[in-house]
N, C-alpha and C. Protein backbone atom coordinates (compact mmCIF):
# COMPACT_ATOMS: atom_id res chain seq x y z
N MET A 1 -93.08 128.16 146.85
CA MET A 1 -94.53 128.33 146.81
C MET A 1 -94.85 129.75 146.34
N ASP A 2 -95.68 129.87 145.29
CA ASP A 2 -95.95 131.16 144.68
C ASP A 2 -96.88 132.05 145.52
N ALA A 3 -97.78 131.44 146.27
CA ALA A 3 -98.73 132.20 147.08
C ALA A 3 -98.82 131.57 148.47
N PRO A 4 -97.76 131.70 149.27
CA PRO A 4 -97.68 130.96 150.53
C PRO A 4 -98.76 131.33 151.55
N VAL A 5 -99.11 132.59 151.64
CA VAL A 5 -100.12 132.98 152.63
C VAL A 5 -101.49 132.44 152.25
N THR A 6 -101.82 132.53 150.98
CA THR A 6 -103.11 132.00 150.51
C THR A 6 -103.23 130.51 150.83
N ILE A 7 -102.22 129.75 150.48
CA ILE A 7 -102.26 128.30 150.70
C ILE A 7 -102.30 127.98 152.20
N THR A 8 -101.54 128.72 152.99
CA THR A 8 -101.53 128.50 154.44
C THR A 8 -102.90 128.79 155.04
N LEU A 9 -103.54 129.87 154.60
CA LEU A 9 -104.88 130.21 155.11
C LEU A 9 -105.91 129.15 154.72
N ILE A 10 -105.79 128.62 153.52
CA ILE A 10 -106.71 127.56 153.09
C ILE A 10 -106.55 126.33 153.97
N PHE A 11 -105.31 125.91 154.20
CA PHE A 11 -105.08 124.74 155.06
C PHE A 11 -105.55 125.00 156.48
N ALA A 12 -105.33 126.21 156.99
CA ALA A 12 -105.76 126.55 158.35
C ALA A 12 -107.28 126.48 158.46
N ASN A 13 -107.98 127.02 157.49
CA ASN A 13 -109.45 126.98 157.51
C ASN A 13 -109.97 125.55 157.46
N ILE A 14 -109.37 124.74 156.58
CA ILE A 14 -109.81 123.35 156.45
C ILE A 14 -109.54 122.58 157.74
N ALA A 15 -108.33 122.72 158.27
CA ALA A 15 -107.94 121.96 159.46
C ALA A 15 -108.77 122.36 160.67
N ILE A 16 -108.96 123.64 160.89
CA ILE A 16 -109.70 124.09 162.07
C ILE A 16 -111.18 123.74 161.96
N THR A 17 -111.74 123.86 160.76
CA THR A 17 -113.15 123.48 160.57
C THR A 17 -113.36 122.01 160.84
N ILE A 18 -112.50 121.16 160.29
CA ILE A 18 -112.64 119.71 160.51
C ILE A 18 -112.44 119.39 161.98
N TRP A 19 -111.45 120.01 162.61
CA TRP A 19 -111.22 119.79 164.04
C TRP A 19 -112.47 120.13 164.85
N ALA A 20 -113.08 121.27 164.55
CA ALA A 20 -114.27 121.69 165.31
C ALA A 20 -115.46 120.78 165.05
N MET A 21 -115.57 120.29 163.82
CA MET A 21 -116.69 119.42 163.47
C MET A 21 -116.62 118.07 164.18
N TYR A 22 -115.40 117.53 164.30
CA TYR A 22 -115.26 116.16 164.77
C TYR A 22 -114.72 116.03 166.19
N SER A 23 -114.40 117.15 166.82
CA SER A 23 -114.01 117.10 168.22
C SER A 23 -115.26 117.33 169.07
N ASN A 24 -115.09 117.71 170.29
CA ASN A 24 -116.22 117.99 171.17
C ASN A 24 -117.07 119.12 170.59
N PRO A 25 -118.39 118.90 170.38
CA PRO A 25 -119.25 119.93 169.77
C PRO A 25 -119.24 121.26 170.52
N ILE A 26 -118.86 121.24 171.77
CA ILE A 26 -118.85 122.48 172.55
C ILE A 26 -117.86 123.49 171.97
N TYR A 27 -116.82 123.00 171.31
CA TYR A 27 -115.83 123.91 170.75
C TYR A 27 -116.42 124.73 169.61
N PHE A 28 -117.22 124.08 168.77
CA PHE A 28 -117.86 124.80 167.67
C PHE A 28 -118.76 125.91 168.21
N ASP A 29 -119.52 125.60 169.24
CA ASP A 29 -120.40 126.60 169.84
C ASP A 29 -119.60 127.72 170.50
N ARG A 30 -118.53 127.38 171.14
CA ARG A 30 -117.75 128.36 171.90
C ARG A 30 -117.03 129.34 170.99
N PHE A 31 -116.56 128.86 169.83
CA PHE A 31 -115.74 129.71 168.97
C PHE A 31 -116.49 130.33 167.80
N SER A 32 -117.78 130.05 167.66
CA SER A 32 -118.59 130.73 166.65
C SER A 32 -118.82 132.18 167.07
N GLU A 33 -119.20 133.00 166.11
CA GLU A 33 -119.45 134.42 166.42
C GLU A 33 -120.88 134.59 166.91
N ARG A 34 -120.99 134.99 168.15
CA ARG A 34 -122.27 135.29 168.77
C ARG A 34 -122.21 136.73 169.27
N PRO A 35 -122.71 137.68 168.47
CA PRO A 35 -122.57 139.10 168.82
C PRO A 35 -123.06 139.45 170.22
N TYR A 36 -124.14 138.81 170.65
CA TYR A 36 -124.66 139.07 172.00
C TYR A 36 -123.62 138.71 173.06
N GLU A 37 -122.98 137.55 172.90
CA GLU A 37 -121.97 137.12 173.85
C GLU A 37 -120.72 137.99 173.78
N ILE A 38 -120.36 138.41 172.58
CA ILE A 38 -119.17 139.26 172.41
C ILE A 38 -119.33 140.56 173.19
N ILE A 39 -120.51 141.15 173.12
CA ILE A 39 -120.76 142.43 173.79
C ILE A 39 -121.02 142.26 175.28
N TYR A 40 -121.89 141.35 175.62
CA TYR A 40 -122.34 141.26 177.01
C TYR A 40 -121.54 140.29 177.87
N HIS A 41 -120.81 139.36 177.25
CA HIS A 41 -119.98 138.43 178.01
C HIS A 41 -118.50 138.57 177.67
N LYS A 42 -118.17 139.58 176.86
CA LYS A 42 -116.78 139.94 176.54
C LYS A 42 -116.00 138.79 175.89
N ARG A 43 -116.67 137.99 175.09
CA ARG A 43 -115.97 136.91 174.38
C ARG A 43 -115.44 137.43 173.05
N LEU A 44 -114.50 138.34 173.17
CA LEU A 44 -113.99 139.07 172.01
C LEU A 44 -113.27 138.16 171.02
N TYR A 45 -112.71 137.06 171.49
CA TYR A 45 -111.96 136.14 170.62
C TYR A 45 -112.84 135.59 169.50
N GLN A 46 -114.17 135.56 169.71
CA GLN A 46 -115.07 135.00 168.70
C GLN A 46 -115.02 135.79 167.39
N VAL A 47 -114.64 137.06 167.47
CA VAL A 47 -114.53 137.88 166.26
C VAL A 47 -113.55 137.26 165.28
N ILE A 48 -112.50 136.64 165.81
CA ILE A 48 -111.47 136.02 164.96
C ILE A 48 -111.71 134.53 164.77
N THR A 49 -111.97 133.82 165.85
CA THR A 49 -112.08 132.36 165.76
C THR A 49 -113.21 131.91 164.84
N SER A 50 -114.30 132.65 164.81
CA SER A 50 -115.45 132.27 163.98
C SER A 50 -115.11 132.25 162.50
N ALA A 51 -114.12 133.05 162.10
CA ALA A 51 -113.76 133.14 160.69
C ALA A 51 -112.97 131.93 160.20
N PHE A 52 -112.61 131.03 161.09
CA PHE A 52 -111.91 129.80 160.70
C PHE A 52 -112.80 128.57 160.87
N LEU A 53 -114.09 128.81 161.10
CA LEU A 53 -115.07 127.73 161.21
C LEU A 53 -116.07 127.85 160.07
N HIS A 54 -116.62 126.70 159.65
CA HIS A 54 -117.63 126.71 158.59
C HIS A 54 -118.76 125.77 158.95
N ALA A 55 -119.96 126.12 158.50
CA ALA A 55 -121.15 125.39 158.91
C ALA A 55 -121.17 123.96 158.39
N ASN A 56 -120.61 123.76 157.19
CA ASN A 56 -120.58 122.43 156.58
C ASN A 56 -119.52 122.42 155.49
N PHE A 57 -119.35 121.28 154.85
CA PHE A 57 -118.28 121.16 153.87
C PHE A 57 -118.56 121.97 152.60
N LEU A 58 -119.83 122.15 152.25
CA LEU A 58 -120.16 122.96 151.08
C LEU A 58 -119.80 124.42 151.33
N HIS A 59 -120.12 124.90 152.52
CA HIS A 59 -119.76 126.26 152.93
C HIS A 59 -118.24 126.44 152.88
N LEU A 60 -117.53 125.47 153.41
CA LEU A 60 -116.07 125.50 153.41
C LEU A 60 -115.53 125.50 151.98
N PHE A 61 -116.08 124.64 151.14
CA PHE A 61 -115.60 124.53 149.76
C PHE A 61 -115.74 125.84 149.00
N PHE A 62 -116.91 126.47 149.08
CA PHE A 62 -117.13 127.71 148.32
C PHE A 62 -116.19 128.82 148.78
N ASN A 63 -116.02 128.95 150.09
CA ASN A 63 -115.12 129.98 150.59
C ASN A 63 -113.66 129.71 150.18
N MET A 64 -113.23 128.47 150.31
CA MET A 64 -111.84 128.15 149.97
C MET A 64 -111.61 128.18 148.46
N PHE A 65 -112.60 127.81 147.68
CA PHE A 65 -112.48 127.90 146.23
C PHE A 65 -112.32 129.36 145.81
N ALA A 66 -113.12 130.24 146.40
CA ALA A 66 -113.02 131.67 146.09
C ALA A 66 -111.68 132.23 146.55
N LEU A 67 -111.24 131.82 147.74
CA LEU A 67 -109.96 132.31 148.25
C LEU A 67 -108.82 131.85 147.34
N TYR A 68 -108.85 130.61 146.90
CA TYR A 68 -107.81 130.11 146.01
C TYR A 68 -107.85 130.83 144.66
N SER A 69 -109.05 130.98 144.10
CA SER A 69 -109.20 131.56 142.77
C SER A 69 -108.71 133.00 142.71
N PHE A 70 -109.09 133.79 143.70
CA PHE A 70 -108.71 135.21 143.69
C PHE A 70 -107.41 135.45 144.47
N GLY A 71 -107.24 134.72 145.57
CA GLY A 71 -106.10 134.97 146.45
C GLY A 71 -104.76 134.64 145.83
N THR A 72 -104.68 133.52 145.11
CA THR A 72 -103.39 133.16 144.53
C THR A 72 -102.95 134.20 143.49
N ILE A 73 -103.88 134.67 142.68
CA ILE A 73 -103.53 135.68 141.67
C ILE A 73 -103.11 136.98 142.34
N LEU A 74 -103.88 137.40 143.35
CA LEU A 74 -103.59 138.67 144.01
C LEU A 74 -102.26 138.62 144.76
N GLU A 75 -102.02 137.54 145.49
CA GLU A 75 -100.76 137.44 146.24
C GLU A 75 -99.57 137.38 145.29
N LYS A 76 -99.67 136.62 144.21
CA LYS A 76 -98.59 136.58 143.21
C LYS A 76 -98.33 137.97 142.62
N PHE A 77 -99.41 138.71 142.38
CA PHE A 77 -99.28 140.07 141.85
C PHE A 77 -98.53 140.96 142.83
N PHE A 78 -98.88 140.86 144.11
CA PHE A 78 -98.19 141.65 145.14
C PHE A 78 -96.71 141.26 145.22
N ILE A 79 -96.45 139.95 145.22
CA ILE A 79 -95.06 139.48 145.32
C ILE A 79 -94.23 139.96 144.14
N SER A 80 -94.80 139.89 142.94
CA SER A 80 -94.06 140.30 141.75
C SER A 80 -93.76 141.79 141.74
N ASN A 81 -94.60 142.58 142.43
CA ASN A 81 -94.42 144.03 142.44
C ASN A 81 -93.68 144.55 143.67
N PHE A 82 -93.83 143.86 144.80
CA PHE A 82 -93.28 144.39 146.05
C PHE A 82 -92.29 143.45 146.74
N GLY A 83 -92.05 142.29 146.17
CA GLY A 83 -91.14 141.33 146.77
C GLY A 83 -91.88 140.30 147.60
N GLN A 84 -91.19 139.19 147.88
CA GLN A 84 -91.81 138.06 148.57
C GLN A 84 -92.38 138.44 149.93
N PHE A 85 -91.55 139.04 150.79
CA PHE A 85 -91.99 139.32 152.15
C PHE A 85 -93.08 140.38 152.19
N THR A 86 -92.81 141.53 151.57
CA THR A 86 -93.77 142.64 151.61
C THR A 86 -95.07 142.29 150.89
N GLY A 87 -94.96 141.61 149.76
CA GLY A 87 -96.14 141.23 149.01
C GLY A 87 -97.06 140.30 149.79
N SER A 88 -96.47 139.28 150.40
CA SER A 88 -97.26 138.33 151.19
C SER A 88 -97.80 138.97 152.46
N LEU A 89 -96.99 139.85 153.07
CA LEU A 89 -97.45 140.54 154.28
C LEU A 89 -98.64 141.44 153.97
N ASP A 90 -98.56 142.20 152.88
CA ASP A 90 -99.69 143.05 152.50
C ASP A 90 -100.93 142.21 152.26
N PHE A 91 -100.76 141.09 151.60
CA PHE A 91 -101.90 140.20 151.34
C PHE A 91 -102.52 139.73 152.66
N PHE A 92 -101.67 139.28 153.58
CA PHE A 92 -102.18 138.81 154.87
C PHE A 92 -102.91 139.91 155.62
N LEU A 93 -102.35 141.12 155.61
CA LEU A 93 -102.98 142.23 156.33
C LEU A 93 -104.34 142.58 155.74
N ILE A 94 -104.45 142.54 154.41
CA ILE A 94 -105.75 142.80 153.78
C ILE A 94 -106.76 141.72 154.18
N TYR A 95 -106.31 140.48 154.19
CA TYR A 95 -107.19 139.37 154.62
C TYR A 95 -107.64 139.57 156.06
N PHE A 96 -106.70 139.86 156.94
CA PHE A 96 -107.01 139.96 158.37
C PHE A 96 -107.87 141.18 158.67
N ILE A 97 -107.58 142.31 158.05
CA ILE A 97 -108.39 143.51 158.26
C ILE A 97 -109.81 143.29 157.73
N SER A 98 -109.94 142.61 156.60
CA SER A 98 -111.26 142.29 156.05
C SER A 98 -112.01 141.35 156.98
N LEU A 99 -111.30 140.39 157.54
CA LEU A 99 -111.90 139.47 158.52
C LEU A 99 -112.47 140.26 159.70
N LEU A 100 -111.66 141.17 160.24
CA LEU A 100 -112.09 141.96 161.39
C LEU A 100 -113.28 142.86 161.05
N SER A 101 -113.21 143.54 159.91
CA SER A 101 -114.28 144.46 159.56
C SER A 101 -115.59 143.72 159.29
N GLY A 102 -115.49 142.53 158.69
CA GLY A 102 -116.69 141.73 158.48
C GLY A 102 -117.31 141.27 159.78
N SER A 103 -116.47 140.81 160.69
CA SER A 103 -116.96 140.36 161.99
C SER A 103 -117.52 141.51 162.82
N LEU A 104 -116.85 142.66 162.78
CA LEU A 104 -117.28 143.80 163.59
C LEU A 104 -118.61 144.37 163.09
N LEU A 105 -118.80 144.43 161.78
CA LEU A 105 -120.10 144.90 161.27
C LEU A 105 -121.21 143.94 161.68
N THR A 106 -120.90 142.66 161.68
CA THR A 106 -121.87 141.66 162.14
C THR A 106 -122.24 141.90 163.60
N VAL A 107 -121.26 142.19 164.43
CA VAL A 107 -121.52 142.46 165.84
C VAL A 107 -122.37 143.72 166.00
N ILE A 108 -121.99 144.77 165.31
CA ILE A 108 -122.69 146.05 165.44
C ILE A 108 -124.17 145.93 165.09
N LEU A 109 -124.48 145.14 164.07
CA LEU A 109 -125.85 145.04 163.59
C LEU A 109 -126.68 143.96 164.27
N ASN A 110 -126.03 143.09 165.04
CA ASN A 110 -126.77 141.96 165.61
C ASN A 110 -126.55 141.73 167.10
N PHE A 111 -125.89 142.65 167.81
CA PHE A 111 -125.54 142.38 169.21
C PHE A 111 -126.74 142.30 170.14
N LYS A 112 -127.88 142.79 169.71
CA LYS A 112 -129.07 142.73 170.56
C LYS A 112 -129.83 141.42 170.41
N ASN A 113 -129.41 140.60 169.45
CA ASN A 113 -130.10 139.34 169.18
C ASN A 113 -129.32 138.18 169.80
N PRO A 114 -129.80 137.60 170.90
CA PRO A 114 -129.05 136.53 171.57
C PRO A 114 -129.01 135.23 170.78
N ASP A 115 -129.83 135.12 169.74
CA ASP A 115 -129.89 133.88 168.96
C ASP A 115 -129.03 133.94 167.69
N TYR A 116 -128.44 135.09 167.40
CA TYR A 116 -127.68 135.22 166.16
C TYR A 116 -126.33 134.53 166.29
N VAL A 117 -126.01 133.68 165.30
CA VAL A 117 -124.73 132.96 165.27
C VAL A 117 -124.17 133.03 163.85
N ALA A 118 -122.88 133.26 163.74
CA ALA A 118 -122.25 133.32 162.41
C ALA A 118 -120.91 132.61 162.43
N VAL A 119 -120.60 131.95 161.33
CA VAL A 119 -119.27 131.34 161.13
C VAL A 119 -118.88 131.53 159.68
N GLY A 120 -117.59 131.41 159.41
CA GLY A 120 -117.13 131.41 158.03
C GLY A 120 -116.13 132.50 157.71
N ALA A 121 -115.35 132.25 156.67
CA ALA A 121 -114.32 133.18 156.23
C ALA A 121 -114.83 134.16 155.19
N SER A 122 -116.15 134.27 155.05
CA SER A 122 -116.73 135.07 153.97
C SER A 122 -116.30 136.52 154.01
N GLY A 123 -116.22 137.12 155.19
CA GLY A 123 -115.81 138.51 155.29
C GLY A 123 -114.39 138.71 154.78
N ALA A 124 -113.48 137.86 155.23
CA ALA A 124 -112.09 137.95 154.79
C ALA A 124 -111.96 137.69 153.30
N VAL A 125 -112.66 136.68 152.80
CA VAL A 125 -112.60 136.34 151.38
C VAL A 125 -113.21 137.46 150.54
N SER A 126 -114.29 138.08 151.01
CA SER A 126 -114.89 139.20 150.29
C SER A 126 -113.89 140.34 150.14
N GLY A 127 -113.14 140.61 151.20
CA GLY A 127 -112.12 141.65 151.13
C GLY A 127 -111.05 141.34 150.11
N ILE A 128 -110.63 140.09 150.04
CA ILE A 128 -109.63 139.68 149.05
C ILE A 128 -110.19 139.81 147.63
N ILE A 129 -111.44 139.41 147.44
CA ILE A 129 -112.06 139.52 146.11
C ILE A 129 -112.08 140.97 145.65
N PHE A 130 -112.46 141.88 146.54
CA PHE A 130 -112.57 143.28 146.14
C PHE A 130 -111.20 143.94 146.01
N SER A 131 -110.22 143.47 146.76
CA SER A 131 -108.86 143.94 146.53
C SER A 131 -108.40 143.50 145.15
N PHE A 132 -108.71 142.28 144.78
CA PHE A 132 -108.40 141.77 143.44
C PHE A 132 -109.06 142.64 142.38
N ILE A 133 -110.32 142.99 142.59
CA ILE A 133 -111.06 143.78 141.61
C ILE A 133 -110.45 145.16 141.42
N LEU A 134 -109.88 145.72 142.49
CA LEU A 134 -109.24 147.03 142.37
C LEU A 134 -108.06 147.00 141.40
N PHE A 135 -107.38 145.86 141.31
CA PHE A 135 -106.22 145.75 140.42
C PHE A 135 -106.57 145.14 139.07
N PHE A 136 -107.67 144.38 139.02
CA PHE A 136 -108.07 143.73 137.77
C PHE A 136 -109.57 143.95 137.52
N PRO A 137 -110.01 145.21 137.46
CA PRO A 137 -111.45 145.49 137.37
C PRO A 137 -112.10 145.06 136.07
N THR A 138 -111.32 144.94 135.01
CA THR A 138 -111.90 144.56 133.72
C THR A 138 -111.70 143.07 133.40
N SER A 139 -111.15 142.34 134.34
CA SER A 139 -111.00 140.89 134.13
C SER A 139 -112.39 140.25 134.15
N THR A 140 -112.49 139.06 133.60
CA THR A 140 -113.77 138.37 133.51
C THR A 140 -113.98 137.46 134.72
N VAL A 141 -115.14 137.60 135.35
CA VAL A 141 -115.51 136.78 136.51
C VAL A 141 -116.75 135.98 136.13
N GLY A 142 -116.74 134.69 136.43
CA GLY A 142 -117.91 133.86 136.15
C GLY A 142 -118.82 133.77 137.36
N VAL A 143 -120.06 134.15 137.20
CA VAL A 143 -121.05 134.08 138.28
C VAL A 143 -122.16 133.14 137.83
N PHE A 144 -122.20 131.96 138.46
CA PHE A 144 -123.15 130.91 138.04
C PHE A 144 -123.04 130.66 136.53
N PHE A 145 -121.78 130.57 136.08
CA PHE A 145 -121.44 130.27 134.69
C PHE A 145 -121.77 131.42 133.74
N ILE A 146 -122.08 132.59 134.29
CA ILE A 146 -122.34 133.76 133.46
C ILE A 146 -121.12 134.68 133.55
N PRO A 147 -120.38 134.88 132.46
CA PRO A 147 -119.20 135.74 132.52
C PRO A 147 -119.59 137.21 132.54
N MET A 148 -118.84 138.00 133.31
CA MET A 148 -119.08 139.44 133.37
C MET A 148 -117.80 140.12 133.84
N PRO A 149 -117.63 141.41 133.52
CA PRO A 149 -116.47 142.15 134.02
C PRO A 149 -116.48 142.19 135.54
N ALA A 150 -115.30 142.17 136.12
CA ALA A 150 -115.19 142.11 137.58
C ALA A 150 -115.85 143.31 138.25
N PHE A 151 -115.75 144.50 137.64
CA PHE A 151 -116.34 145.67 138.29
C PHE A 151 -117.87 145.61 138.29
N ILE A 152 -118.47 144.95 137.29
CA ILE A 152 -119.92 144.75 137.29
C ILE A 152 -120.30 143.78 138.39
N PHE A 153 -119.51 142.71 138.51
CA PHE A 153 -119.73 141.75 139.60
C PHE A 153 -119.68 142.46 140.95
N ALA A 154 -118.75 143.42 141.10
CA ALA A 154 -118.61 144.14 142.37
C ALA A 154 -119.89 144.88 142.72
N PHE A 155 -120.47 145.58 141.76
CA PHE A 155 -121.73 146.29 142.01
C PHE A 155 -122.85 145.33 142.40
N LEU A 156 -122.95 144.21 141.70
CA LEU A 156 -123.98 143.22 142.01
C LEU A 156 -123.78 142.62 143.39
N TYR A 157 -122.53 142.35 143.73
CA TYR A 157 -122.21 141.74 145.03
C TYR A 157 -122.63 142.66 146.17
N VAL A 158 -122.31 143.94 146.05
CA VAL A 158 -122.68 144.90 147.09
C VAL A 158 -124.20 145.04 147.16
N ALA A 159 -124.85 145.11 146.01
CA ALA A 159 -126.31 145.26 145.98
C ALA A 159 -126.99 144.07 146.64
N VAL A 160 -126.53 142.87 146.34
CA VAL A 160 -127.12 141.67 146.94
C VAL A 160 -126.87 141.65 148.45
N SER A 161 -125.68 142.07 148.87
CA SER A 161 -125.35 142.09 150.30
C SER A 161 -126.25 143.06 151.05
N VAL A 162 -126.44 144.26 150.50
CA VAL A 162 -127.29 145.26 151.15
C VAL A 162 -128.73 144.77 151.19
N TYR A 163 -129.20 144.22 150.07
CA TYR A 163 -130.57 143.69 150.03
C TYR A 163 -130.73 142.54 151.04
N GLY A 164 -129.75 141.67 151.09
CA GLY A 164 -129.81 140.53 152.01
C GLY A 164 -129.83 140.97 153.45
N MET A 165 -129.08 142.01 153.79
CA MET A 165 -129.09 142.53 155.16
C MET A 165 -130.46 143.07 155.53
N LYS A 166 -131.08 143.80 154.62
CA LYS A 166 -132.37 144.43 154.91
C LYS A 166 -133.51 143.42 154.95
N SER A 167 -133.43 142.43 154.06
CA SER A 167 -134.53 141.46 153.95
C SER A 167 -134.31 140.19 154.75
N LYS A 168 -133.09 140.05 155.32
CA LYS A 168 -132.73 138.80 156.02
C LYS A 168 -132.84 137.61 155.08
N PHE A 169 -132.45 137.82 153.83
CA PHE A 169 -132.58 136.80 152.80
C PHE A 169 -131.57 135.68 153.01
N GLY A 170 -132.08 134.44 153.13
CA GLY A 170 -131.22 133.28 153.22
C GLY A 170 -130.47 133.20 154.54
N ASN A 171 -129.90 132.05 154.79
CA ASN A 171 -129.10 131.84 155.99
C ASN A 171 -127.65 132.22 155.70
N ILE A 172 -127.46 133.49 155.36
CA ILE A 172 -126.16 133.98 154.87
C ILE A 172 -125.75 135.21 155.67
N GLY A 173 -124.47 135.31 155.98
CA GLY A 173 -123.96 136.45 156.74
C GLY A 173 -123.68 137.63 155.83
N HIS A 174 -124.74 138.27 155.34
CA HIS A 174 -124.57 139.40 154.43
C HIS A 174 -123.79 140.54 155.08
N GLU A 175 -123.95 140.71 156.39
CA GLU A 175 -123.22 141.76 157.11
C GLU A 175 -121.71 141.53 157.02
N ALA A 176 -121.31 140.28 157.19
CA ALA A 176 -119.89 139.94 157.10
C ALA A 176 -119.37 140.20 155.69
N HIS A 177 -120.17 139.89 154.68
CA HIS A 177 -119.76 140.12 153.30
C HIS A 177 -119.50 141.61 153.06
N LEU A 178 -120.47 142.44 153.44
CA LEU A 178 -120.34 143.87 153.21
C LEU A 178 -119.21 144.46 154.05
N GLY A 179 -119.11 144.04 155.29
CA GLY A 179 -118.02 144.52 156.14
C GLY A 179 -116.66 144.13 155.58
N GLY A 180 -116.56 142.92 155.05
CA GLY A 180 -115.31 142.47 154.45
C GLY A 180 -114.95 143.28 153.21
N VAL A 181 -115.97 143.60 152.41
CA VAL A 181 -115.75 144.44 151.22
C VAL A 181 -115.16 145.79 151.62
N ILE A 182 -115.78 146.41 152.63
CA ILE A 182 -115.31 147.72 153.10
C ILE A 182 -113.88 147.62 153.60
N GLY A 183 -113.60 146.60 154.41
CA GLY A 183 -112.26 146.42 154.94
C GLY A 183 -111.24 146.15 153.86
N GLY A 184 -111.63 145.35 152.86
CA GLY A 184 -110.71 145.02 151.77
C GLY A 184 -110.34 146.23 150.94
N ILE A 185 -111.33 147.07 150.65
CA ILE A 185 -111.07 148.26 149.83
C ILE A 185 -110.22 149.26 150.60
N ILE A 186 -110.61 149.55 151.84
CA ILE A 186 -109.88 150.56 152.62
C ILE A 186 -108.45 150.11 152.89
N SER A 187 -108.28 148.85 153.29
CA SER A 187 -106.93 148.36 153.61
C SER A 187 -106.04 148.34 152.38
N THR A 188 -106.61 148.03 151.23
CA THR A 188 -105.82 148.04 149.99
C THR A 188 -105.35 149.44 149.66
N PHE A 189 -106.25 150.42 149.77
CA PHE A 189 -105.87 151.81 149.50
C PHE A 189 -104.81 152.31 150.48
N LEU A 190 -104.90 151.87 151.74
CA LEU A 190 -103.95 152.32 152.75
C LEU A 190 -102.59 151.63 152.62
N LEU A 191 -102.61 150.35 152.29
CA LEU A 191 -101.37 149.57 152.28
C LEU A 191 -100.61 149.65 150.96
N ILE A 192 -101.34 149.73 149.86
CA ILE A 192 -100.71 149.69 148.55
C ILE A 192 -100.72 151.09 147.96
N GLU A 193 -99.58 151.73 148.02
CA GLU A 193 -99.48 153.10 147.51
C GLU A 193 -99.80 153.16 146.02
N GLY A 194 -100.67 154.10 145.66
CA GLY A 194 -101.03 154.28 144.26
C GLY A 194 -102.10 153.33 143.75
N SER A 195 -102.70 152.52 144.63
CA SER A 195 -103.68 151.53 144.19
C SER A 195 -104.93 152.18 143.62
N PHE A 196 -105.35 153.32 144.18
CA PHE A 196 -106.54 153.99 143.66
C PHE A 196 -106.28 154.54 142.26
N ARG A 197 -105.12 155.15 142.06
CA ARG A 197 -104.77 155.66 140.74
C ARG A 197 -104.66 154.53 139.73
N PHE A 198 -104.09 153.40 140.18
CA PHE A 198 -103.95 152.23 139.30
C PHE A 198 -105.33 151.74 138.88
N PHE A 199 -106.27 151.72 139.81
CA PHE A 199 -107.64 151.29 139.51
C PHE A 199 -108.26 152.19 138.44
N LEU A 200 -108.07 153.50 138.59
CA LEU A 200 -108.68 154.45 137.66
C LEU A 200 -108.11 154.35 136.24
N THR A 201 -106.85 153.91 136.13
CA THR A 201 -106.22 153.83 134.80
C THR A 201 -106.94 152.83 133.89
N HIS A 202 -107.67 151.90 134.47
CA HIS A 202 -108.38 150.91 133.66
C HIS A 202 -109.59 151.49 132.94
N PHE A 203 -109.99 152.70 133.33
CA PHE A 203 -111.21 153.27 132.77
C PHE A 203 -110.96 154.56 131.99
N LYS A 204 -109.69 154.82 131.68
CA LYS A 204 -109.36 156.01 130.90
C LYS A 204 -109.38 155.69 129.41
């Protein structure tokens, strides 16, 4: 398997989401991210469990499609440069750190709201996308069938996330997206030696 961690994460997300949807509904409620409960009732596990649940199949599809599209390329790139074990481990750590940073920013900004609920792998996937962009900033990314350089997409993605947070636009976890981006960039720079210099070489 060329990208074992990516494929495993996709199957885990699909399996856990379907399990939560079709088992006792109380499980979906219990394992979703509720910042108020995390802070005041110490349900810290929700920071992680919520990232393996999705609101519906369309939500699941978009996240898993993005993870497959960017994750397989990024993990293969890591494996080819650092070896099977180290490459896949670095990929997993970037995913997990992005997951945590996305969830934690969501908690920080919404813990006073007892009605706020969030689910989805968007934070983790956002981190993977931006890690990909650090290594392939001039590659072409299609956004609603409009092709553009990946680094332009990155600026638009961050701008939309910040705007969405401020305006509460749509039923979307913009906080998780932005938190995941931050986690993905920082973890990539920390884990992959020379990644920042490699990024800059694309613009010389």
